Amino acid sequence: MATPDPHDDTSADYEQFEKELLAQDRDAARVDTSDVDDTTARSLVDDLIDVGVVTPVPEDRVLVHEPSGTTFDSPTQLAVFHRGWAAARAADGEGE
């Protein structure tokens, strides 16, 4: 009896294929946050404060993203988070 060639084994091909498709889906849904500089972040955070989405807590020096309850000590971190959060809600059809 001949020994099977390990290169002919395709039993795990479907797993690799599924991983590749999931990676492509994540890449397609990913929001580009590379354009969030300090000025853009500050402007976005100021707008979010004005509409009540973000609450500043001066004594703790943090910003609270009210819909998620997440706190941030950096306007840039908050801006990047909010963009991703808003994109995820839009993808789910919930809107911003």
C-alpha atoms as a PDB file:
ATOM      1  CA  MET A   1       0.000   0.000   0.000  1.00  0.00           C
ATOM      2  CA  ALA A   2       1.352   3.406  -0.942  1.00  0.00           C
ATOM      3  CA  THR A   3       1.770   6.109   1.659  1.00  0.00           C
ATOM      4  CA  PRO A   4      -0.561   9.064   1.044  1.00  0.00           C
ATOM      5  CA  ASP A   5       1.116  12.238  -0.141  1.00  0.00           C
ATOM      6  CA  PRO A   6       0.711  14.929   2.562  1.00  0.00           C
ATOM      7  CA  HIS A   7       0.547  17.590  -0.175  1.00  0.00           C
ATOM      8  CA  ASP A   8      -2.645  16.017  -1.511  1.00  0.00           C
ATOM      9  CA  ASP A   9      -4.453  16.392   1.798  1.00  0.00           C
ATOM     10  CA  THR A  10      -7.131  19.062   1.320  1.00  0.00           C
ATOM     11  CA  SER A  11      -9.103  18.408   4.496  1.00  0.00           C
ATOM     12  CA  ALA A  12      -8.235  21.796   5.992  1.00  0.00           C
ATOM     13  CA  ASP A  13      -8.692  23.821   2.783  1.00  0.00           C
ATOM     14  CA  TYR A  14     -12.216  24.867   3.705  1.00  0.00           C
ATOM     15  CA  GLU A  15     -10.927  26.252   7.023  1.00  0.00           C
ATOM     16  CA  GLN A  16      -8.319  28.357   5.231  1.00  0.00           C
ATOM     17  CA  PHE A  17     -10.949  29.511   2.735  1.00  0.00           C
ATOM     18  CA  GLU A  18     -13.326  30.556   5.544  1.00  0.00           C
ATOM     19  CA  LYS A  19     -10.545  32.445   7.337  1.00  0.00           C
ATOM     20  CA  GLU A  20      -9.689  34.285   4.129  1.00  0.00           C
ATOM     21  CA  LEU A  21     -13.326  35.253   3.540  1.00  0.00           C
ATOM     22  CA  LEU A  22     -13.695  36.505   7.104  1.00  0.00           C
ATOM     23  CA  ALA A  23     -10.542  38.591   6.754  1.00  0.00           C
ATOM     24  CA  GLN A  24     -11.872  40.101   3.525  1.00  0.00           C
ATOM     25  CA  ASP A  25     -15.179  40.929   5.244  1.00  0.00           C
ATOM     26  CA  ARG A  26     -13.374  42.642   8.113  1.00  0.00           C
ATOM     27  CA  ASP A  27     -11.215  44.613   5.686  1.00  0.00           C
ATOM     28  CA  ALA A  28     -14.259  45.745   3.711  1.00  0.00           C
ATOM     29  CA  ALA A  29     -16.067  46.897   6.858  1.00  0.00           C
ATOM     30  CA  ARG A  30     -13.039  48.542   8.454  1.00  0.00           C
ATOM     31  CA  VAL A  31     -13.254  52.307   8.920  1.00  0.00           C
ATOM     32  CA  ASP A  32     -10.191  54.308   7.953  1.00  0.00           C
ATOM     33  CA  THR A  33      -9.082  56.233  11.017  1.00  0.00           C
ATOM     34  CA  SER A  34      -5.667  57.251   9.776  1.00  0.00           C
ATOM     35  CA  ASP A  35      -6.929  60.729   8.908  1.00  0.00           C
ATOM     36  CA  VAL A  36      -7.829  61.579  12.520  1.00  0.00           C
ATOM     37  CA  ASP A  37      -5.252  64.140  13.584  1.00  0.00           C
ATOM     38  CA  ASP A  38      -5.447  66.156  16.806  1.00  0.00           C
ATOM     39  CA  THR A  39      -7.320  69.061  15.207  1.00  0.00           C
ATOM     40  CA  THR A  40      -9.887  66.811  13.533  1.00  0.00           C
ATOM     41  CA  ALA A  41     -10.330  64.819  16.751  1.00  0.00           C
ATOM     42  CA  ARG A  42     -10.837  67.942  18.862  1.00  0.00           C
ATOM     43  CA  SER A  43     -13.401  69.277  16.399  1.00  0.00           C
ATOM     44  CA  LEU A  44     -15.325  65.984  16.346  1.00  0.00           C
ATOM     45  CA  VAL A  45     -15.273  65.726  20.134  1.00  0.00           C
ATOM     46  CA  ASP A  46     -16.494  69.322  20.487  1.00  0.00           C
ATOM     47  CA  ASP A  47     -19.379  68.516  18.117  1.00  0.00           C
ATOM     48  CA  LEU A  48     -20.190  65.351  20.100  1.00  0.00           C
ATOM     49  CA  ILE A  49     -20.177  67.334  23.347  1.00  0.00           C
ATOM     50  CA  ASP A  50     -22.565  69.877  21.809  1.00  0.00           C
ATOM     51  CA  VAL A  51     -25.099  67.161  20.893  1.00  0.00           C
ATOM     52  CA  GLY A  52     -24.760  65.281  24.194  1.00  0.00           C
ATOM     53  CA  VAL A  53     -23.014  62.170  22.902  1.00  0.00           C
ATOM     54  CA  VAL A  54     -19.875  62.925  24.933  1.00  0.00           C
ATOM     55  CA  THR A  55     -19.717  64.235  28.489  1.00  0.00           C
ATOM     56  CA  PRO A  56     -16.486  65.781  29.748  1.00  0.00           C
ATOM     57  CA  VAL A  57     -15.588  65.024  33.371  1.00  0.00           C
ATOM     58  CA  PRO A  58     -13.075  67.782  34.192  1.00  0.00           C
ATOM     59  CA  GLU A  59     -12.201  66.588  37.708  1.00  0.00           C
ATOM     60  CA  ASP A  60     -11.155  63.174  36.343  1.00  0.00           C
ATOM     61  CA  ARG A  61      -9.789  64.627  33.084  1.00  0.00           C
ATOM     62  CA  VAL A  62     -11.756  62.111  31.009  1.00  0.00           C
ATOM     63  CA  LEU A  63     -14.374  62.138  28.286  1.00  0.00           C
ATOM     64  CA  VAL A  64     -17.330  59.740  28.535  1.00  0.00           C
ATOM     65  CA  HIS A  65     -18.878  58.362  25.340  1.00  0.00           C
ATOM     66  CA  GLU A  66     -22.452  58.187  26.657  1.00  0.00           C
ATOM     67  CA  PRO A  67     -23.991  55.617  24.254  1.00  0.00           C
ATOM     68  CA  SER A  68     -21.320  53.042  25.080  1.00  0.00           C
ATOM     69  CA  GLY A  69     -20.351  54.199  28.579  1.00  0.00           C
ATOM     70  CA  THR A  70     -16.677  54.087  27.604  1.00  0.00           C
ATOM     71  CA  THR A  71     -14.269  56.666  29.064  1.00  0.00           C
ATOM     72  CA  PHE A  72     -11.263  58.175  27.318  1.00  0.00           C
ATOM     73  CA  ASP A  73      -8.445  60.441  28.404  1.00  0.00           C
ATOM     74  CA  SER A  74      -7.580  61.439  24.847  1.00  0.00           C
ATOM     75  CA  PRO A  75      -9.794  63.242  22.327  1.00  0.00           C
ATOM     76  CA  THR A  76      -8.026  61.366  19.519  1.00  0.00           C
ATOM     77  CA  GLN A  77      -8.793  57.972  21.070  1.00  0.00           C
ATOM     78  CA  LEU A  78     -12.405  59.013  21.543  1.00  0.00           C
ATOM     79  CA  ALA A  79     -12.724  60.280  17.961  1.00  0.00           C
ATOM     80  CA  VAL A  80     -11.309  57.055  16.513  1.00  0.00           C
ATOM     81  CA  PHE A  81     -13.548  54.979  18.787  1.00  0.00           C
ATOM     82  CA  HIS A  82     -16.653  56.985  17.894  1.00  0.00           C
ATOM     83  CA  ARG A  83     -16.001  56.634  14.154  1.00  0.00           C
ATOM     84  CA  GLY A  84     -15.712  52.867  14.524  1.00  0.00           C
ATOM     85  CA  TRP A  85     -18.731  52.707  16.821  1.00  0.00           C
ATOM     86  CA  ALA A  86     -20.838  54.789  14.406  1.00  0.00           C
ATOM     87  CA  ALA A  87     -19.726  52.675  11.435  1.00  0.00           C
ATOM     88  CA  ALA A  88     -20.635  49.460  13.259  1.00  0.00           C
ATOM     89  CA  ARG A  89     -24.091  50.813  14.098  1.00  0.00           C
ATOM     90  CA  ALA A  90     -24.584  51.970  10.501  1.00  0.00           C
ATOM     91  CA  ALA A  91     -23.553  48.520   9.243  1.00  0.00           C
ATOM     92  CA  ASP A  92     -26.140  46.985  11.572  1.00  0.00           C
ATOM     93  CA  GLY A  93     -28.748  49.381  10.214  1.00  0.00           C
ATOM     94  CA  GLU A  94     -29.157  51.207  13.517  1.00  0.00           C
ATOM     95  CA  GLY A  95     -27.878  54.589  12.312  1.00  0.00           C
ATOM     96  CA  GLU A  96     -25.707  56.933  14.333  1.00  0.00           C
END
